[in-house]
Protein backbone atom coordinates (compact mmCIF):
# COMPACT_ATOMS: atom_id res chain seq x y z
CA MET A 1 0.00 0.00 0.00
CA ARG A 2 2.82 2.38 0.83
CA PHE A 3 4.26 1.68 -2.59
CA LEU A 4 1.02 2.72 -4.28
CA LEU A 5 0.83 5.88 -2.19
CA ARG A 6 4.40 6.80 -3.04
CA ILE A 7 3.90 6.12 -6.75
CA THR A 8 0.71 8.19 -6.75
CA PHE A 9 2.40 11.01 -4.92
CA TRP A 10 5.48 11.14 -7.16
CA LEU A 11 3.44 10.78 -10.33
CA GLY A 12 1.24 13.66 -9.16
CA LEU A 13 4.33 15.71 -8.41
CA VAL A 14 5.73 15.08 -11.88
CA LEU A 15 2.44 16.09 -13.45
CA VAL A 16 2.37 19.28 -11.38
CA LEU A 17 5.92 20.18 -12.36
CA LEU A 18 5.38 19.74 -16.10
CA PRO A 19 5.60 23.05 -17.96
CA ARG A 20 2.31 24.67 -18.90
CA ASP A 21 1.16 27.34 -21.29
CA LYS A 22 0.83 30.80 -19.80
CA THR A 23 -2.78 31.88 -19.48
CA PRO A 24 -4.44 34.73 -17.55
CA GLU A 25 -5.69 32.20 -14.97
CA SER A 26 -2.21 30.79 -14.38
CA GLU A 27 -0.87 34.29 -13.72
CA LYS A 28 -3.24 34.63 -10.72
CA LEU A 29 -2.07 31.35 -9.09
CA PRO A 30 0.72 31.46 -6.49
CA GLN A 31 4.16 30.70 -7.92
CA ILE A 32 6.06 27.80 -6.29
CA GLY A 33 9.62 26.90 -7.17
CA ALA A 34 10.83 23.38 -7.90
CA ALA A 35 13.02 23.33 -4.78
CA ASP A 36 10.03 24.23 -2.59
CA ALA A 37 7.95 21.51 -4.21
CA VAL A 38 10.67 18.88 -3.67
CA GLN A 39 11.07 19.92 -0.04
CA ALA A 40 7.30 19.70 0.51
CA ALA A 41 7.18 16.32 -1.22
CA THR A 42 9.97 14.95 0.98
CA ALA A 43 8.18 16.15 4.09
CA ALA A 44 4.91 14.59 2.91
CA VAL A 45 6.57 11.23 2.24
CA SER A 46 8.23 11.17 5.65
CA ASP A 47 4.88 12.10 7.23
CA MET A 48 3.11 9.31 5.32
CA SER A 49 5.62 6.77 6.60
CA GLN A 50 4.60 7.68 10.18
CA PHE A 51 0.85 7.62 9.42
CA CYS A 52 0.38 3.91 10.18
CA LYS A 53 2.01 4.35 13.58
CA ARG A 54 -0.33 7.22 14.46
CA GLN A 55 -3.53 5.74 12.95
CA PRO A 56 -3.27 1.92 12.80
CA ALA A 57 -7.03 1.41 12.28
CA ALA A 58 -7.13 3.81 9.33
CA CYS A 59 -4.05 2.16 7.87
CA GLU A 60 -5.65 -1.30 8.15
CA VAL A 61 -8.88 -0.14 6.48
CA GLY A 62 -6.85 1.61 3.80
CA GLY A 63 -4.94 -1.62 3.14
CA GLN A 64 -8.20 -3.54 2.77
CA ALA A 65 -9.57 -0.85 0.45
CA ALA A 66 -6.41 -1.01 -1.63
CA THR A 67 -6.80 -4.79 -1.89
CA ILE A 68 -10.40 -4.43 -3.07
CA ILE A 69 -9.46 -1.70 -5.55
CA GLY A 70 -6.57 -3.84 -6.83
CA GLN A 71 -8.92 -6.81 -7.30
CA ARG A 72 -11.40 -4.65 -9.20
CA ALA A 73 -8.59 -3.29 -11.35
CA GLN A 74 -7.50 -6.86 -12.17
CA ASP A 75 -11.08 -7.83 -13.04
CA GLY A 76 -11.42 -4.76 -15.26
CA ALA A 77 -8.10 -5.49 -16.97
CA ARG A 78 -9.19 -9.10 -17.50
CA LYS A 79 -12.47 -7.93 -19.10
CA ILE A 80 -10.64 -5.50 -21.37
CA TYR A 81 -8.21 -8.26 -22.36
CA GLN A 82 -11.14 -10.57 -23.17
CA ILE A 83 -12.83 -7.88 -25.27
CA ILE A 84 -9.62 -7.25 -27.20
CA ASN A 85 -9.04 -10.98 -27.69
CA ASP A 86 -12.63 -11.56 -28.85
CA LYS A 87 -12.33 -8.67 -31.32
CA LYS A 88 -9.00 -10.02 -32.55
CA GLU A 89 -10.46 -13.52 -33.04
CA GLN A 90 -13.44 -12.04 -34.87
CA ILE A 91 -11.14 -10.14 -37.23
CA THR A 92 -9.02 -13.26 -37.77
CA ASP A 93 -12.12 -15.33 -38.54
CA GLU A 94 -13.30 -12.71 -41.07
CA LYS A 95 -9.88 -12.72 -42.75
CA ASN A 96 -9.90 -16.53 -42.90
CA GLU A 97 -13.36 -16.50 -44.49
CA LYS A 98 -12.16 -14.04 -47.13
CA THR A 99 -9.03 -16.13 -47.74
CA ASN A 100 -11.07 -19.33 -48.11
CA LYS A 101 -13.32 -17.67 -50.71
CA LYS A 102 -10.35 -16.85 -52.98
CA ALA A 103 -9.48 -19.12 -55.91
CA PRO A 104 -6.94 -21.85 -55.15
CA ASP A 105 -3.29 -21.12 -55.87
CA HIS A 106 -2.87 -24.28 -57.97
CA THR A 107 -4.44 -25.58 -61.17
CA GLY A 108 -5.48 -28.97 -59.83
CA SER A 109 -3.29 -30.97 -62.22
CA ILE A 110 -1.05 -31.92 -59.33
CA THR A 111 -2.61 -33.18 -56.14
CA VAL A 112 -1.67 -31.07 -53.13
CA ALA A 113 -1.05 -32.82 -49.82
CA GLY A 114 -4.27 -32.87 -47.84
CA GLU A 115 -6.51 -32.91 -50.91
CA GLY A 116 -8.11 -35.85 -52.70
CA ASP A 117 -7.98 -39.46 -51.59
CA ALA A 118 -5.79 -40.23 -48.62
CA ALA A 119 -4.44 -43.35 -50.34
CA ALA A 120 -3.48 -41.38 -53.46
CA THR A 121 -1.58 -38.69 -51.55
CA GLU A 122 0.21 -41.03 -49.16
CA ALA A 123 3.60 -42.21 -50.45
CA PRO A 124 4.29 -45.95 -50.32
CA ARG A 125 6.80 -47.04 -47.70
CA ASP A 126 9.41 -49.83 -47.46
CA THR A 127 9.51 -50.55 -51.20
CA LEU A 128 13.24 -51.40 -51.42
CA THR A 129 14.17 -55.05 -51.68
CA GLN A 130 17.14 -56.68 -49.96
CA ASP A 131 19.02 -56.63 -53.29
CA ASP A 132 18.45 -52.88 -53.54
CA LEU A 133 19.76 -52.36 -50.04
CA ALA A 134 22.86 -54.51 -50.61
CA LEU A 135 24.29 -52.34 -53.41
CA GLU A 136 27.03 -49.90 -52.52
CA TRP A 137 26.39 -46.29 -53.19
CA ARG A 138 28.47 -44.63 -55.84
CA GLY A 139 28.51 -40.91 -56.15
CA PRO A 140 28.84 -39.05 -59.45
CA GLU A 141 32.19 -39.19 -61.14
CA PRO A 142 34.23 -36.01 -60.77
CA THR A 143 34.41 -33.79 -63.83
CA PRO A 144 37.88 -32.89 -65.09
CA ASN A 145 38.82 -29.24 -64.78
């Protein structure tokens, strides 16, 4: 929980310190220097580290609230992930349907693996005889240079 508080605090501080456009409203706001902001932030962090010692009940309830909020954030992230995945699958299915409607890439004169009769596309096995296996292999004769 302390980690989340620190991250929130420092992220807020960074956002506050980002440069802004000058407007008439910003001219009316009090001007604070970066050194003053860092000093105030350091004091706030050290004060937050002592908060659980001063208010243990509030710290315990805050920890439980952070757990619940974290669980809800996980559930929300899971739902968003599911929505994105479902959309992605839907797009993939649509692309596959379009691809399947296209004309085949071959003329049909040669059978492609997976098409036609299974017996016709499956190559015969173990067709060599013992005489075929007994012959020594001879490579091609070298060509003279």
